[in-house]
Amino acid sequence: MPVSRLNDENRRAFLSHRRQVTIGKNSGETQIVYNLDMGRVHYSPQTQYLYFCNSYVVAIRRIIESVLEGLEQKCEIECVYLDTHRCLPAANRVRLNQASRNPVCVALRMQGIQVTTGTP
């Protein structure tokens, strides 16, 4: 059965249901990735990485790429794995500098994505 996009009404309903998850400043990459969902990204100020899972519901990767392209900055998205053998891909991450962090986070929030930050 092919996977299709959700209509706008179902997409809004999906994104309005939020799990209450606290990701602390000392959380490791595995804990961050485990607590992500399709409507949430997490920015780690210590590493300057924005962690996200791309989905058919919301194309987070496309939003990030568009913003960074508009800022004329290079977009290097990496895969994050749950295991040391790099067999279980779990999420993606992109390093954001000071100039790109706020525009990317605002663009994601405008699309209904919850942005969490581990406070330093």
PDB file of N, CA and C in Angstrom:
ATOM      1  N   MET A   1       0.844  -1.174   0.000  1.00  0.00           N
ATOM      2  CA  MET A   1       0.000   0.000   0.000  1.00  0.00           C
ATOM      3  C   MET A   1       0.894   1.243   0.000  1.00  0.00           C
ATOM      4  N   PRO A   2       0.707   2.144  -0.935  1.00  0.00           N
ATOM      5  CA  PRO A   2       1.555   3.340  -1.003  1.00  0.00           C
ATOM      6  C   PRO A   2       1.255   4.304   0.149  1.00  0.00           C
ATOM      7  N   VAL A   3       2.288   5.007   0.563  1.00  0.00           N
ATOM      8  CA  VAL A   3       2.150   6.007   1.615  1.00  0.00           C
ATOM      9  C   VAL A   3       1.845   7.341   0.952  1.00  0.00           C
ATOM     10  N   SER A   4       0.848   8.044   1.480  1.00  0.00           N
ATOM     11  CA  SER A   4       0.506   9.333   0.894  1.00  0.00           C
ATOM     12  C   SER A   4       0.567  10.417   1.961  1.00  0.00           C
ATOM     13  N   ARG A   5       0.575  11.644   1.523  1.00  0.00           N
ATOM     14  CA  ARG A   5       0.609  12.777   2.438  1.00  0.00           C
ATOM     15  C   ARG A   5      -0.744  12.931   3.126  1.00  0.00           C
ATOM     16  N   LEU A   6      -0.716  13.480   4.333  1.00  0.00           N
ATOM     17  CA  LEU A   6      -1.949  13.782   5.051  1.00  0.00           C
ATOM     18  C   LEU A   6      -2.537  15.079   4.522  1.00  0.00           C
ATOM     19  N   ASN A   7      -3.856  15.180   4.543  1.00  0.00           N
ATOM     20  CA  ASN A   7      -4.446  16.457   4.175  1.00  0.00           C
ATOM     21  C   ASN A   7      -4.188  17.455   5.306  1.00  0.00           C
ATOM     22  N   ASP A   8      -4.440  18.746   5.059  1.00  0.00           N
ATOM     23  CA  ASP A   8      -4.094  19.790   6.032  1.00  0.00           C
ATOM     24  C   ASP A   8      -4.795  19.606   7.372  1.00  0.00           C
ATOM     25  N   GLU A   9      -6.056  19.181   7.360  1.00  0.00           N
ATOM     26  CA  GLU A   9      -6.794  19.004   8.606  1.00  0.00           C
ATOM     27  C   GLU A   9      -6.174  17.894   9.458  1.00  0.00           C
ATOM     28  N   ASN A  10      -5.872  16.762   8.836  1.00  0.00           N
ATOM     29  CA  ASN A  10      -5.261  15.655   9.575  1.00  0.00           C
ATOM     30  C   ASN A  10      -3.838  15.995  10.020  1.00  0.00           C
ATOM     31  N   ARG A  11      -3.123  16.759   9.209  1.00  0.00           N
ATOM     32  CA  ARG A  11      -1.772  17.169   9.571  1.00  0.00           C
ATOM     33  C   ARG A  11      -1.802  18.040  10.825  1.00  0.00           C
ATOM     34  N   ARG A  12      -2.713  19.011  10.879  1.00  0.00           N
ATOM     35  CA  ARG A  12      -2.834  19.886  12.052  1.00  0.00           C
ATOM     36  C   ARG A  12      -3.208  19.073  13.297  1.00  0.00           C
ATOM     37  N   ALA A  13      -4.100  18.112  13.136  1.00  0.00           N
ATOM     38  CA  ALA A  13      -4.503  17.272  14.260  1.00  0.00           C
ATOM     39  C   ALA A  13      -3.322  16.433  14.747  1.00  0.00           C
ATOM     40  N   PHE A  14      -2.560  15.913  13.817  1.00  0.00           N
ATOM     41  CA  PHE A  14      -1.398  15.103  14.177  1.00  0.00           C
ATOM     42  C   PHE A  14      -0.375  15.939  14.949  1.00  0.00           C
ATOM     43  N   LEU A  15      -0.090  17.139  14.468  1.00  0.00           N
ATOM     44  CA  LEU A  15       0.916  17.983  15.094  1.00  0.00           C
ATOM     45  C   LEU A  15       0.436  18.589  16.411  1.00  0.00           C
ATOM     46  N   SER A  16      -0.877  18.658  16.623  1.00  0.00           N
ATOM     47  CA  SER A  16      -1.381  19.258  17.856  1.00  0.00           C
ATOM     48  C   SER A  16      -1.243  18.310  19.047  1.00  0.00           C
ATOM     49  N   HIS A  17      -1.059  17.033  18.779  1.00  0.00           N
ATOM     50  CA  HIS A  17      -0.879  16.055  19.854  1.00  0.00           C
ATOM     51  C   HIS A  17       0.604  15.985  20.198  1.00  0.00           C
ATOM     52  N   ARG A  18       0.957  16.481  21.355  1.00  0.00           N
ATOM     53  CA  ARG A  18       2.365  16.551  21.739  1.00  0.00           C
ATOM     54  C   ARG A  18       2.641  15.677  22.954  1.00  0.00           C
ATOM     55  N   ARG A  19       3.694  14.919  22.871  1.00  0.00           N
ATOM     56  CA  ARG A  19       4.175  14.215  24.048  1.00  0.00           C
ATOM     57  C   ARG A  19       4.932  15.224  24.897  1.00  0.00           C
ATOM     58  N   GLN A  20       4.792  15.135  26.183  1.00  0.00           N
ATOM     59  CA  GLN A  20       5.538  16.009  27.084  1.00  0.00           C
ATOM     60  C   GLN A  20       6.843  15.313  27.439  1.00  0.00           C
ATOM     61  N   VAL A  21       7.908  15.744  26.815  1.00  0.00           N
ATOM     62  CA  VAL A  21       9.211  15.141  27.009  1.00  0.00           C
ATOM     63  C   VAL A  21      10.196  16.245  27.391  1.00  0.00           C
ATOM     64  N   THR A  22      10.973  16.001  28.416  1.00  0.00           N
ATOM     65  CA  THR A  22      11.998  16.947  28.809  1.00  0.00           C
ATOM     66  C   THR A  22      13.349  16.367  28.424  1.00  0.00           C
ATOM     67  N   ILE A  23      14.070  17.105  27.618  1.00  0.00           N
ATOM     68  CA  ILE A  23      15.411  16.705  27.226  1.00  0.00           C
ATOM     69  C   ILE A  23      16.360  17.691  27.892  1.00  0.00           C
ATOM     70  N   GLY A  24      17.114  17.229  28.856  1.00  0.00           N
ATOM     71  CA  GLY A  24      17.994  18.092  29.632  1.00  0.00           C
ATOM     72  C   GLY A  24      19.254  18.482  28.893  1.00  0.00           C
ATOM     73  N   LYS A  25      19.992  19.413  29.490  1.00  0.00           N
ATOM     74  CA  LYS A  25      21.204  19.912  28.846  1.00  0.00           C
ATOM     75  C   LYS A  25      22.310  18.865  28.783  1.00  0.00           C
ATOM     76  N   ASN A  26      22.282  17.884  29.662  1.00  0.00           N
ATOM     77  CA  ASN A  26      23.315  16.854  29.671  1.00  0.00           C
ATOM     78  C   ASN A  26      22.878  15.572  28.958  1.00  0.00           C
ATOM     79  N   SER A  27      21.777  15.634  28.230  1.00  0.00           N
ATOM     80  CA  SER A  27      21.279  14.451  27.519  1.00  0.00           C
ATOM     81  C   SER A  27      22.236  14.072  26.397  1.00  0.00           C
ATOM     82  N   GLY A  28      22.453  12.793  26.259  1.00  0.00           N
ATOM     83  CA  GLY A  28      23.307  12.301  25.186  1.00  0.00           C
ATOM     84  C   GLY A  28      22.535  12.221  23.875  1.00  0.00           C
ATOM     85  N   GLU A  29      23.261  11.971  22.822  1.00  0.00           N
ATOM     86  CA  GLU A  29      22.654  11.919  21.499  1.00  0.00           C
ATOM     87  C   GLU A  29      21.594  10.833  21.390  1.00  0.00           C
ATOM     88  N   THR A  30      21.825   9.688  22.005  1.00  0.00           N
ATOM     89  CA  THR A  30      20.853   8.594  21.954  1.00  0.00           C
ATOM     90  C   THR A  30      19.546   8.993  22.630  1.00  0.00           C
ATOM     91  N   GLN A  31      19.630   9.651  23.782  1.00  0.00           N
ATOM     92  CA  GLN A  31      18.421  10.084  24.483  1.00  0.00           C
ATOM     93  C   GLN A  31      17.672  11.152  23.676  1.00  0.00           C
ATOM     94  N   ILE A  32      18.397  12.056  23.059  1.00  0.00           N
ATOM     95  CA  ILE A  32      17.769  13.087  22.230  1.00  0.00           C
ATOM     96  C   ILE A  32      17.006  12.437  21.083  1.00  0.00           C
ATOM     97  N   VAL A  33      17.673  11.548  20.365  1.00  0.00           N
ATOM     98  CA  VAL A  33      17.058  10.898  19.205  1.00  0.00           C
ATOM     99  C   VAL A  33      15.854  10.063  19.625  1.00  0.00           C
ATOM    100  N   TYR A  34      15.956   9.362  20.741  1.00  0.00           N
ATOM    101  CA  TYR A  34      14.858   8.530  21.218  1.00  0.00           C
ATOM    102  C   TYR A  34      13.606   9.357  21.498  1.00  0.00           C
ATOM    103  N   ASN A  35      13.765  10.593  21.944  1.00  0.00           N
ATOM    104  CA  ASN A  35      12.628  11.428  22.306  1.00  0.00           C
ATOM    105  C   ASN A  35      12.122  12.324  21.181  1.00  0.00           C
ATOM    106  N   LEU A  36      12.683  12.221  20.002  1.00  0.00           N
ATOM    107  CA  LEU A  36      12.178  12.983  18.866  1.00  0.00           C
ATOM    108  C   LEU A  36      10.908  12.332  18.332  1.00  0.00           C
ATOM    109  N   ASP A  37      10.115  13.122  17.638  1.00  0.00           N
ATOM    110  CA  ASP A  37       9.007  12.579  16.867  1.00  0.00           C
ATOM    111  C   ASP A  37       8.876  13.425  15.603  1.00  0.00           C
ATOM    112  N   MET A  38       7.885  13.121  14.787  1.00  0.00           N
ATOM    113  CA  MET A  38       7.774  13.795  13.496  1.00  0.00           C
ATOM    114  C   MET A  38       7.382  15.258  13.604  1.00  0.00           C
ATOM    115  N   GLY A  39       6.926  15.698  14.757  1.00  0.00           N
ATOM    116  CA  GLY A  39       6.538  17.094  14.922  1.00  0.00           C
ATOM    117  C   GLY A  39       7.435  17.845  15.875  1.00  0.00           C
ATOM    118  N   ARG A  40       8.632  17.307  16.145  1.00  0.00           N
ATOM    119  CA  ARG A  40       9.541  17.931  17.115  1.00  0.00           C
ATOM    120  C   ARG A  40      10.976  17.861  16.604  1.00  0.00           C
ATOM    121  N   VAL A  41      11.708  18.936  16.824  1.00  0.00           N
ATOM    122  CA  VAL A  41      13.148  18.951  16.603  1.00  0.00           C
ATOM    123  C   VAL A  41      13.795  19.373  17.920  1.00  0.00           C
ATOM    124  N   HIS A  42      15.064  19.077  18.065  1.00  0.00           N
ATOM    125  CA  HIS A  42      15.777  19.471  19.290  1.00  0.00           C
ATOM    126  C   HIS A  42      17.098  20.102  18.904  1.00  0.00           C
ATOM    127  N   TYR A  43      17.368  21.281  19.485  1.00  0.00           N
ATOM    128  CA  TYR A  43      18.635  21.964  19.260  1.00  0.00           C
ATOM    129  C   TYR A  43      19.485  21.837  20.513  1.00  0.00           C
ATOM    130  N   SER A  44      20.723  21.407  20.350  1.00  0.00           N
ATOM    131  CA  SER A  44      21.661  21.275  21.458  1.00  0.00           C
ATOM    132  C   SER A  44      22.672  22.415  21.383  1.00  0.00           C
ATOM    133  N   PRO A  45      22.606  23.386  22.313  1.00  0.00           N
ATOM    134  CA  PRO A  45      23.542  24.512  22.274  1.00  0.00           C
ATOM    135  C   PRO A  45      25.004  24.090  22.455  1.00  0.00           C
ATOM    136  N   GLN A  46      25.246  23.004  23.190  1.00  0.00           N
ATOM    137  CA  GLN A  46      26.619  22.563  23.423  1.00  0.00           C
ATOM    138  C   GLN A  46      27.298  22.120  22.128  1.00  0.00           C
ATOM    139  N   THR A  47      26.570  21.377  21.302  1.00  0.00           N
ATOM    140  CA  THR A  47      27.156  20.857  20.062  1.00  0.00           C
ATOM    141  C   THR A  47      26.769  21.671  18.842  1.00  0.00           C
ATOM    142  N   GLN A  48      25.790  22.551  18.975  1.00  0.00           N
ATOM    143  CA  GLN A  48      25.225  23.359  17.892  1.00  0.00           C
ATOM    144  C   GLN A  48      24.552  22.496  16.824  1.00  0.00           C
ATOM    145  N   TYR A  49      24.090  21.305  17.198  1.00  0.00           N
ATOM    146  CA  TYR A  49      23.373  20.436  16.267  1.00  0.00           C
ATOM    147  C   TYR A  49      21.874  20.559  16.476  1.00  0.00           C
ATOM    148  N   LEU A  50      21.149  20.568  15.373  1.00  0.00           N
ATOM    149  CA  LEU A  50      19.694  20.482  15.385  1.00  0.00           C
ATOM    150  C   LEU A  50      19.352  19.055  14.959  1.00  0.00           C
ATOM    151  N   TYR A  51      18.667  18.308  15.836  1.00  0.00           N
ATOM    152  CA  TYR A  51      18.298  16.920  15.574  1.00  0.00           C
ATOM    153  C   TYR A  51      16.853  16.864  15.100  1.00  0.00           C
ATOM    154  N   PHE A  52      16.570  16.023  14.106  1.00  0.00           N
ATOM    155  CA  PHE A  52      15.213  15.912  13.583  1.00  0.00           C
ATOM    156  C   PHE A  52      15.003  14.579  12.886  1.00  0.00           C
ATOM    157  N   CYS A  53      13.732  14.209  12.774  1.00  0.00           N
ATOM    158  CA  CYS A  53      13.321  13.049  11.986  1.00  0.00           C
ATOM    159  C   CYS A  53      12.481  13.579  10.836  1.00  0.00           C
ATOM    160  N   ASN A  54      12.821  13.239   9.643  1.00  0.00           N
ATOM    161  CA  ASN A  54      12.030  13.673   8.495  1.00  0.00           C
ATOM    162  C   ASN A  54      10.865  12.710   8.304  1.00  0.00           C
ATOM    163  N   SER A  55       9.765  13.206   7.743  1.00  0.00           N
ATOM    164  CA  SER A  55       8.599  12.350   7.567  1.00  0.00           C
ATOM    165  C   SER A  55       7.773  12.830   6.384  1.00  0.00           C
ATOM    166  N   TYR A  56       6.756  12.049   6.067  1.00  0.00           N
ATOM    167  CA  TYR A  56       5.815  12.468   5.029  1.00  0.00           C
ATOM    168  C   TYR A  56       4.827  13.492   5.566  1.00  0.00           C
ATOM    169  N   VAL A  57       4.676  13.547   6.879  1.00  0.00           N
ATOM    170  CA  VAL A  57       3.746  14.491   7.494  1.00  0.00           C
ATOM    171  C   VAL A  57       4.279  15.910   7.353  1.00  0.00           C
ATOM    172  N   VAL A  58       5.529  16.093   7.707  1.00  0.00           N
ATOM    173  CA  VAL A  58       6.178  17.397   7.613  1.00  0.00           C
ATOM    174  C   VAL A  58       7.577  17.184   7.049  1.00  0.00           C
ATOM    175  N   ALA A  59       7.903  17.892   5.994  1.00  0.00           N
ATOM    176  CA  ALA A  59       9.215  17.750   5.365  1.00  0.00           C
ATOM    177  C   ALA A  59      10.206  18.689   6.044  1.00  0.00           C
ATOM    178  N   ILE A  60      10.660  18.301   7.222  1.00  0.00           N
ATOM    179  CA  ILE A  60      11.557  19.145   8.009  1.00  0.00           C
ATOM    180  C   ILE A  60      12.858  19.393   7.258  1.00  0.00           C
ATOM    181  N   ARG A  61      13.364  18.372   6.627  1.00  0.00           N
ATOM    182  CA  ARG A  61      14.623  18.518   5.880  1.00  0.00           C
ATOM    183  C   ARG A  61      14.501  19.594   4.799  1.00  0.00           C
ATOM    184  N   ARG A  62      13.397  19.590   4.091  1.00  0.00           N
ATOM    185  CA  ARG A  62      13.198  20.576   3.026  1.00  0.00           C
ATOM    186  C   ARG A  62      13.145  22.001   3.583  1.00  0.00           C
ATOM    187  N   ILE A  63      12.518  22.166   4.748  1.00  0.00           N
ATOM    188  CA  ILE A  63      12.446  23.483   5.383  1.00  0.00           C
ATOM    189  C   ILE A  63      13.849  23.969   5.738  1.00  0.00           C
ATOM    190  N   ILE A  64      14.638  23.101   6.364  1.00  0.00           N
ATOM    191  CA  ILE A  64      16.002  23.466   6.754  1.00  0.00           C
ATOM    192  C   ILE A  64      16.839  23.806   5.526  1.00  0.00           C
ATOM    193  N   GLU A  65      16.772  22.963   4.507  1.00  0.00           N
ATOM    194  CA  GLU A  65      17.545  23.211   3.288  1.00  0.00           C
ATOM    195  C   GLU A  65      17.149  24.530   2.631  1.00  0.00           C
ATOM    196  N   SER A  66      15.858  24.836   2.609  1.00  0.00           N
ATOM    197  CA  SER A  66      15.390  26.082   2.000  1.00  0.00           C
ATOM    198  C   SER A  66      15.903  27.310   2.741  1.00  0.00           C
ATOM    199  N   VAL A  67      15.843  27.271   4.071  1.00  0.00           N
ATOM    200  CA  VAL A  67      16.312  28.408   4.862  1.00  0.00           C
ATOM    201  C   VAL A  67      17.808  28.608   4.674  1.00  0.00           C
ATOM    202  N   LEU A  68      18.581  27.535   4.760  1.00  0.00           N
ATOM    203  CA  LEU A  68      20.026  27.656   4.619  1.00  0.00           C
ATOM    204  C   LEU A  68      20.417  28.083   3.206  1.00  0.00           C
ATOM    205  N   GLU A  69      19.667  27.641   2.208  1.00  0.00           N
ATOM    206  CA  GLU A  69      19.922  28.084   0.842  1.00  0.00           C
ATOM    207  C   GLU A  69      19.664  29.583   0.714  1.00  0.00           C
ATOM    208  N   GLY A  70      18.578  30.058   1.338  1.00  0.00           N
ATOM    209  CA  GLY A  70      18.266  31.489   1.317  1.00  0.00           C
ATOM    210  C   GLY A  70      19.312  32.319   2.040  1.00  0.00           C
ATOM    211  N   LEU A  71      19.940  31.738   3.054  1.00  0.00           N
ATOM    212  CA  LEU A  71      21.011  32.430   3.786  1.00  0.00           C
ATOM    213  C   LEU A  71      22.374  32.245   3.117  1.00  0.00           C
ATOM    214  N   GLU A  72      22.373  31.516   2.009  1.00  0.00           N
ATOM    215  CA  GLU A  72      23.584  31.209   1.247  1.00  0.00           C
ATOM    216  C   GLU A  72      24.633  30.510   2.119  1.00  0.00           C
ATOM    217  N   GLN A  73      24.148  29.540   2.897  1.00  0.00           N
ATOM    218  CA  GLN A  73      25.030  28.744   3.741  1.00  0.00           C
ATOM    219  C   GLN A  73      24.974  27.291   3.308  1.00  0.00           C
ATOM    220  N   LYS A  74      26.062  26.606   3.514  1.00  0.00           N
ATOM    221  CA  LYS A  74      26.152  25.195   3.155  1.00  0.00           C
ATOM    222  C   LYS A  74      25.313  24.363   4.122  1.00  0.00           C
ATOM    223  N   CYS A  75      24.593  23.397   3.585  1.00  0.00           N
ATOM    224  CA  CYS A  75      23.727  22.542   4.398  1.00  0.00           C
ATOM    225  C   CYS A  75      24.285  21.114   4.377  1.00  0.00           C
ATOM    226  N   GLU A  76      24.856  20.704   5.499  1.00  0.00           N
ATOM    227  CA  GLU A  76      25.406  19.357   5.607  1.00  0.00           C
ATOM    228  C   GLU A  76      24.606  18.567   6.633  1.00  0.00           C
ATOM    229  N   ILE A  77      23.655  17.793   6.147  1.00  0.00           N
ATOM    230  CA  ILE A  77      22.798  16.984   7.015  1.00  0.00           C
ATOM    231  C   ILE A  77      23.411  15.597   7.145  1.00  0.00           C
ATOM    232  N   GLU A  78      23.575  15.167   8.395  1.00  0.00           N
ATOM    233  CA  GLU A  78      24.180  13.869   8.690  1.00  0.00           C
ATOM    234  C   GLU A  78      23.143  12.929   9.279  1.00  0.00           C
ATOM    235  N   CYS A  79      23.362  11.651   9.067  1.00  0.00           N
ATOM    236  CA  CYS A  79      22.508  10.631   9.668  1.00  0.00           C
ATOM    237  C   CYS A  79      23.046  10.298  11.058  1.00  0.00           C
ATOM    238  N   VAL A  80      22.139  10.105  12.011  1.00  0.00           N
ATOM    239  CA  VAL A  80      22.499   9.706  13.376  1.00  0.00           C
ATOM    240  C   VAL A  80      22.056   8.258  13.552  1.00  0.00           C
ATOM    241  N   TYR A  81      22.966   7.433  14.050  1.00  0.00           N
ATOM    242  CA  TYR A  81      22.693   6.003  14.227  1.00  0.00           C
ATOM    243  C   TYR A  81      22.533   5.671  15.704  1.00  0.00           C
ATOM    244  N   LEU A  82      21.734   4.651  15.996  1.00  0.00           N
ATOM    245  CA  LEU A  82      21.532   4.211  17.368  1.00  0.00           C
ATOM    246  C   LEU A  82      22.588   3.219  17.836  1.00  0.00           C
ATOM    247  N   ASP A  83      23.350   2.665  16.913  1.00  0.00           N
ATOM    248  CA  ASP A  83      24.330   1.657  17.287  1.00  0.00           C
ATOM    249  C   ASP A  83      25.725   2.066  16.827  1.00  0.00           C
ATOM    250  N   THR A  84      26.715   1.439  17.413  1.00  0.00           N
ATOM    251  CA  THR A  84      28.101   1.769  17.075  1.00  0.00           C
ATOM    252  C   THR A  84      28.527   1.224  15.718  1.00  0.00           C
ATOM    253  N   HIS A  85      27.787   0.271  15.184  1.00  0.00           N
ATOM    254  CA  HIS A  85      28.134  -0.326  13.895  1.00  0.00           C
ATOM    255  C   HIS A  85      27.503   0.426  12.719  1.00  0.00           C
ATOM    256  N   ARG A  86      26.732   1.448  13.027  1.00  0.00           N
ATOM    257  CA  ARG A  86      26.087   2.292  12.017  1.00  0.00           C
ATOM    258  C   ARG A  86      25.132   1.485  11.120  1.00  0.00           C
ATOM    259  N   CYS A  87      24.353   0.609  11.764  1.00  0.00           N
ATOM    260  CA  CYS A  87      23.375  -0.206  11.039  1.00  0.00           C
ATOM    261  C   CYS A  87      21.941   0.284  11.248  1.00  0.00           C
ATOM    262  N   LEU A  88      21.678   1.013  12.340  1.00  0.00           N
ATOM    263  CA  LEU A  88      20.321   1.432  12.683  1.00  0.00           C
ATOM    264  C   LEU A  88      20.185   2.955  12.606  1.00  0.00           C
ATOM    265  N   PRO A  89      19.873   3.480  11.405  1.00  0.00           N
ATOM    266  CA  PRO A  89      19.693   4.923  11.299  1.00  0.00           C
ATOM    267  C   PRO A  89      18.438   5.360  12.050  1.00  0.00           C
ATOM    268  N   ALA A  90      18.559   6.437  12.821  1.00  0.00           N
ATOM    269  CA  ALA A  90      17.441   6.836  13.676  1.00  0.00           C
ATOM    270  C   ALA A  90      16.937   8.237  13.386  1.00  0.00           C
ATOM    271  N   ALA A  91      17.825   9.153  13.039  1.00  0.00           N
ATOM    272  CA  ALA A  91      17.426  10.551  12.852  1.00  0.00           C
ATOM    273  C   ALA A  91      18.487  11.248  12.013  1.00  0.00           C
ATOM    274  N   ASN A  92      18.332  12.547  11.910  1.00  0.00           N
ATOM    275  CA  ASN A  92      19.293  13.377  11.190  1.00  0.00           C
ATOM    276  C   ASN A  92      19.729  14.518  12.086  1.00  0.00           C
ATOM    277  N   ARG A  93      20.847  15.129  11.734  1.00  0.00           N
ATOM    278  CA  ARG A  93      21.301  16.308  12.450  1.00  0.00           C
ATOM    279  C   ARG A  93      21.999  17.239  11.472  1.00  0.00           C
ATOM    280  N   VAL A  94      21.945  18.518  11.807  1.00  0.00           N
ATOM    281  CA  VAL A  94      22.621  19.537  11.009  1.00  0.00           C
ATOM    282  C   VAL A  94      23.219  20.546  11.977  1.00  0.00           C
ATOM    283  N   ARG A  95      24.445  20.955  11.720  1.00  0.00           N
ATOM    284  CA  ARG A  95      25.099  21.942  12.584  1.00  0.00           C
ATOM    285  C   ARG A  95      24.669  23.329  12.123  1.00  0.00           C
ATOM    286  N   LEU A  96      24.188  24.124  13.076  1.00  0.00           N
ATOM    287  CA  LEU A  96      23.740  25.483  12.789  1.00  0.00           C
ATOM    288  C   LEU A  96      24.663  26.475  13.488  1.00  0.00           C
ATOM    289  N   ASN A  97      25.105  27.493  12.752  1.00  0.00           N
ATOM    290  CA  ASN A  97      25.903  28.534  13.383  1.00  0.00           C
ATOM    291  C   ASN A  97      24.979  29.611  13.946  1.00  0.00           C
ATOM    292  N   GLN A  98      25.553  30.620  14.579  1.00  0.00           N
ATOM    293  CA  GLN A  98      24.758  31.677  15.213  1.00  0.00           C
ATOM    294  C   GLN A  98      23.826  32.357  14.217  1.00  0.00           C
ATOM    295  N   ALA A  99      24.293  32.589  13.002  1.00  0.00           N
ATOM    296  CA  ALA A  99      23.499  33.317  12.005  1.00  0.00           C
ATOM    297  C   ALA A  99      22.332  32.498  11.473  1.00  0.00           C
ATOM    298  N   SER A 100      22.444  31.179  11.480  1.00  0.00           N
ATOM    299  CA  SER A 100      21.390  30.347  10.889  1.00  0.00           C
ATOM    300  C   SER A 100      20.437  29.749  11.912  1.00  0.00           C
ATOM    301  N   ARG A 101      20.833  29.691  13.173  1.00  0.00           N
ATOM    302  CA  ARG A 101      20.008  29.027  14.192  1.00  0.00           C
ATOM    303  C   ARG A 101      18.606  29.629  14.305  1.00  0.00           C
ATOM    304  N   ASN A 102      18.522  30.926  14.518  1.00  0.00           N
ATOM    305  CA  ASN A 102      17.211  31.554  14.705  1.00  0.00           C
ATOM    306  C   ASN A 102      16.328  31.479  13.463  1.00  0.00           C
ATOM    307  N   PRO A 103      16.829  31.795  12.261  1.00  0.00           N
ATOM    308  CA  PRO A 103      15.956  31.682  11.072  1.00  0.00           C
ATOM    309  C   PRO A 103      15.422  30.265  10.845  1.00  0.00           C
ATOM    310  N   VAL A 104      16.262  29.262  11.070  1.00  0.00           N
ATOM    311  CA  VAL A 104      15.815  27.876  10.879  1.00  0.00           C
ATOM    312  C   VAL A 104      14.745  27.521  11.902  1.00  0.00           C
ATOM    313  N   CYS A 105      14.975  27.874  13.169  1.00  0.00           N
ATOM    314  CA  CYS A 105      14.010  27.545  14.223  1.00  0.00           C
ATOM    315  C   CYS A 105      12.682  28.277  14.017  1.00  0.00           C
ATOM    316  N   VAL A 106      12.734  29.523  13.583  1.00  0.00           N
ATOM    317  CA  VAL A 106      11.499  30.275  13.323  1.00  0.00           C
ATOM    318  C   VAL A 106      10.731  29.645  12.167  1.00  0.00           C
ATOM    319  N   ALA A 107      11.428  29.281  11.101  1.00  0.00           N
ATOM    320  CA  ALA A 107      10.758  28.653   9.954  1.00  0.00           C
ATOM    321  C   ALA A 107      10.090  27.342  10.356  1.00  0.00           C
ATOM    322  N   LEU A 108      10.744  26.564  11.191  1.00  0.00           N
ATOM    323  CA  LEU A 108      10.157  25.305  11.654  1.00  0.00           C
ATOM    324  C   LEU A 108       8.930  25.557  12.520  1.00  0.00           C
ATOM    325  N   ARG A 109       9.023  26.529  13.428  1.00  0.00           N
ATOM    326  CA  ARG A 109       7.868  26.857  14.278  1.00  0.00           C
ATOM    327  C   ARG A 109       6.692  27.344  13.445  1.00  0.00           C
ATOM    328  N   MET A 110       6.974  28.091  12.395  1.00  0.00           N
ATOM    329  CA  MET A 110       5.894  28.588  11.535  1.00  0.00           C
ATOM    330  C   MET A 110       5.170  27.452  10.815  1.00  0.00           C
ATOM    331  N   GLN A 111       5.808  26.309  10.684  1.00  0.00           N
ATOM    332  CA  GLN A 111       5.188  25.137  10.052  1.00  0.00           C
ATOM    333  C   GLN A 111       4.571  24.190  11.075  1.00  0.00           C
ATOM    334  N   GLY A 112       4.535  24.618  12.347  1.00  0.00           N
ATOM    335  CA  GLY A 112       3.895  23.809  13.383  1.00  0.00           C
ATOM    336  C   GLY A 112       4.813  22.820  14.077  1.00  0.00           C
ATOM    337  N   ILE A 113       6.105  22.945  13.852  1.00  0.00           N
ATOM    338  CA  ILE A 113       7.079  22.033  14.461  1.00  0.00           C
ATOM    339  C   ILE A 113       7.464  22.569  15.837  1.00  0.00           C
ATOM    340  N   GLN A 114       7.485  21.697  16.829  1.00  0.00           N
ATOM    341  CA  GLN A 114       7.916  22.085  18.170  1.00  0.00           C
ATOM    342  C   GLN A 114       9.434  22.030  18.220  1.00  0.00           C
ATOM    343  N   VAL A 115      10.036  23.132  18.642  1.00  0.00           N
ATOM    344  CA  VAL A 115      11.489  23.206  18.755  1.00  0.00           C
ATOM    345  C   VAL A 115      11.843  23.233  20.238  1.00  0.00           C
ATOM    346  N   THR A 116      12.560  22.217  20.691  1.00  0.00           N
ATOM    347  CA  THR A 116      13.030  22.182  22.073  1.00  0.00           C
ATOM    348  C   THR A 116      14.519  22.458  22.094  1.00  0.00           C
ATOM    349  N   THR A 117      14.989  22.979  23.213  1.00  0.00           N
ATOM    350  CA  THR A 117      16.400  23.323  23.345  1.00  0.00           C
ATOM    351  C   THR A 117      16.876  22.880  24.714  1.00  0.00           C
ATOM    352  N   GLY A 118      18.016  22.221  24.727  1.00  0.00           N
ATOM    353  CA  GLY A 118      18.645  21.892  25.991  1.00  0.00           C
ATOM    354  C   GLY A 118      19.355  23.136  26.482  1.00  0.00           C
ATOM    355  N   THR A 119      18.892  23.701  27.571  1.00  0.00           N
ATOM    356  CA  THR A 119      19.482  24.943  28.038  1.00  0.00           C
ATOM    357  C   THR A 119      20.844  24.675  28.661  1.00  0.00           C
ATOM    358  N   PRO A 120      21.825  25.511  28.337  1.00  0.00           N
ATOM    359  CA  PRO A 120      23.182  25.298  28.856  1.00  0.00           C
ATOM    360  C   PRO A 120      23.269  25.605  30.334  1.00  0.00           C
TER     361      PRO A 120
END
